[in-house]
Structure formats: C-alpha cells, structure tokens
C-alpha cells in the first residue's frame, strides 16, 4: 500500500508516514519491541482471515498463537 494512502488514512502527510515507518524499524532493534510487533502482525493476519499466511509467518519466526 502506498505511503500516501496510509498517511491519508491518518490525516497526515506522506513524509510523516515515512518517518513513522523508519522510527518503528529502528525500534525493532529492541528484542522486546520486535517480539511485540511480531505477535501483533501474527494476530492481525489471523484476524483478517489470512490464517495460512499467519501460520507461514509463525513458522519463519518460531511464533505461534
């Protein structure tokens, strides 16, 4: 999804969305934060009906429900 669409959904500018993505990626160097985001991603995929993708993701990361 283009950053411009994400930014518009939050009422922000594309450059603000880009900066937010960079900040989150920098924070992923923190193992606890990375684990939290990995779990969040898994749950969002599972809730959206992409169970197969969530299961594949859990195989790559060693995570599970």
C-alpha atoms as a PDB file:
ATOM      1  CA  UNK A   1       0.000   0.000   0.000  1.00  0.00           C
ATOM      2  CA  UNK A   2       1.465   3.389  -0.932  1.00  0.00           C
ATOM      3  CA  UNK A   3       2.573   5.604   1.956  1.00  0.00           C
ATOM      4  CA  UNK A   4       0.368   8.371   0.591  1.00  0.00           C
ATOM      5  CA  UNK A   5      -2.706   6.165   1.209  1.00  0.00           C
ATOM      6  CA  UNK A   6      -1.558   5.270   4.722  1.00  0.00           C
ATOM      7  CA  UNK A   7      -0.865   8.919   5.509  1.00  0.00           C
ATOM      8  CA  UNK A   8      -4.271   9.989   4.199  1.00  0.00           C
ATOM      9  CA  UNK A   9      -5.993   7.388   6.378  1.00  0.00           C
ATOM     10  CA  UNK A  10      -4.443   9.051   9.424  1.00  0.00           C
ATOM     11  CA  UNK A  11      -4.856  12.606   8.160  1.00  0.00           C
ATOM     12  CA  UNK A  12      -1.102  13.057   7.793  1.00  0.00           C
ATOM     13  CA  UNK A  13       1.445  13.845   5.101  1.00  0.00           C
ATOM     14  CA  UNK A  14       3.334  11.103   3.230  1.00  0.00           C
ATOM     15  CA  UNK A  15       6.639  12.247   4.737  1.00  0.00           C
ATOM     16  CA  UNK A  16       5.204  11.881   8.253  1.00  0.00           C
ATOM     17  CA  UNK A  17       4.126   8.310   7.489  1.00  0.00           C
ATOM     18  CA  UNK A  18       7.575   7.591   6.080  1.00  0.00           C
ATOM     19  CA  UNK A  19       9.233   8.931   9.226  1.00  0.00           C
ATOM     20  CA  UNK A  20       6.918   6.825  11.415  1.00  0.00           C
ATOM     21  CA  UNK A  21       7.886   3.683   9.479  1.00  0.00           C
ATOM     22  CA  UNK A  22      11.577   4.462   9.986  1.00  0.00           C
ATOM     23  CA  UNK A  23      11.100   5.013  13.721  1.00  0.00           C
ATOM     24  CA  UNK A  24       9.303   1.676  14.077  1.00  0.00           C
ATOM     25  CA  UNK A  25      12.042  -0.115  12.142  1.00  0.00           C
ATOM     26  CA  UNK A  26      14.702   1.461  14.381  1.00  0.00           C
ATOM     27  CA  UNK A  27      12.770   0.305  17.439  1.00  0.00           C
ATOM     28  CA  UNK A  28      12.763  -3.260  16.131  1.00  0.00           C
ATOM     29  CA  UNK A  29      16.397  -3.472  17.263  1.00  0.00           C
ATOM     30  CA  UNK A  30      14.898  -3.809  20.756  1.00  0.00           C
ATOM     31  CA  UNK A  31      14.111  -7.542  21.147  1.00  0.00           C
ATOM     32  CA  UNK A  32      11.053  -6.959  23.358  1.00  0.00           C
ATOM     33  CA  UNK A  33       9.555  -4.447  20.911  1.00  0.00           C
ATOM     34  CA  UNK A  34      10.339  -6.723  17.964  1.00  0.00           C
ATOM     35  CA  UNK A  35       8.646  -9.649  19.714  1.00  0.00           C
ATOM     36  CA  UNK A  36       5.588  -7.486  20.440  1.00  0.00           C
ATOM     37  CA  UNK A  37       5.299  -6.397  16.792  1.00  0.00           C
ATOM     38  CA  UNK A  38       5.808  -9.934  15.523  1.00  0.00           C
ATOM     39  CA  UNK A  39       2.938 -11.137  17.727  1.00  0.00           C
ATOM     40  CA  UNK A  40       0.763  -8.191  16.677  1.00  0.00           C
ATOM     41  CA  UNK A  41       1.419  -8.932  12.995  1.00  0.00           C
ATOM     42  CA  UNK A  42       0.533 -12.591  13.531  1.00  0.00           C
ATOM     43  CA  UNK A  43      -2.753 -11.741  15.258  1.00  0.00           C
ATOM     44  CA  UNK A  44      -3.710  -9.175  12.617  1.00  0.00           C
ATOM     45  CA  UNK A  45      -3.068 -11.674   9.834  1.00  0.00           C
ATOM     46  CA  UNK A  46      -5.079 -14.345  11.634  1.00  0.00           C
ATOM     47  CA  UNK A  47      -7.961 -11.927  12.373  1.00  0.00           C
ATOM     48  CA  UNK A  48      -8.079 -10.791   8.755  1.00  0.00           C
ATOM     49  CA  UNK A  49      -8.682 -14.339   7.568  1.00  0.00           C
ATOM     50  CA  UNK A  50      -5.137 -14.874   6.328  1.00  0.00           C
ATOM     51  CA  UNK A  51      -4.610 -17.861   8.607  1.00  0.00           C
ATOM     52  CA  UNK A  52      -2.344 -19.599   6.081  1.00  0.00           C
ATOM     53  CA  UNK A  53      -0.115 -16.529   5.881  1.00  0.00           C
ATOM     54  CA  UNK A  54      -0.139 -16.195   9.688  1.00  0.00           C
ATOM     55  CA  UNK A  55       0.845 -19.869  10.014  1.00  0.00           C
ATOM     56  CA  UNK A  56       3.649 -19.425   7.461  1.00  0.00           C
ATOM     57  CA  UNK A  57       4.808 -16.346   9.349  1.00  0.00           C
ATOM     58  CA  UNK A  58       4.846 -18.256  12.632  1.00  0.00           C
ATOM     59  CA  UNK A  59       6.986 -20.958  11.038  1.00  0.00           C
ATOM     60  CA  UNK A  60       9.560 -18.367   9.973  1.00  0.00           C
ATOM     61  CA  UNK A  61       9.675 -16.632  13.364  1.00  0.00           C
ATOM     62  CA  UNK A  62       9.069 -19.571  15.679  1.00  0.00           C
ATOM     63  CA  UNK A  63       5.926 -17.865  16.972  1.00  0.00           C
ATOM     64  CA  UNK A  64       2.511 -19.286  17.438  1.00  0.00           C
ATOM     65  CA  UNK A  65      -0.888 -18.236  18.675  1.00  0.00           C
END
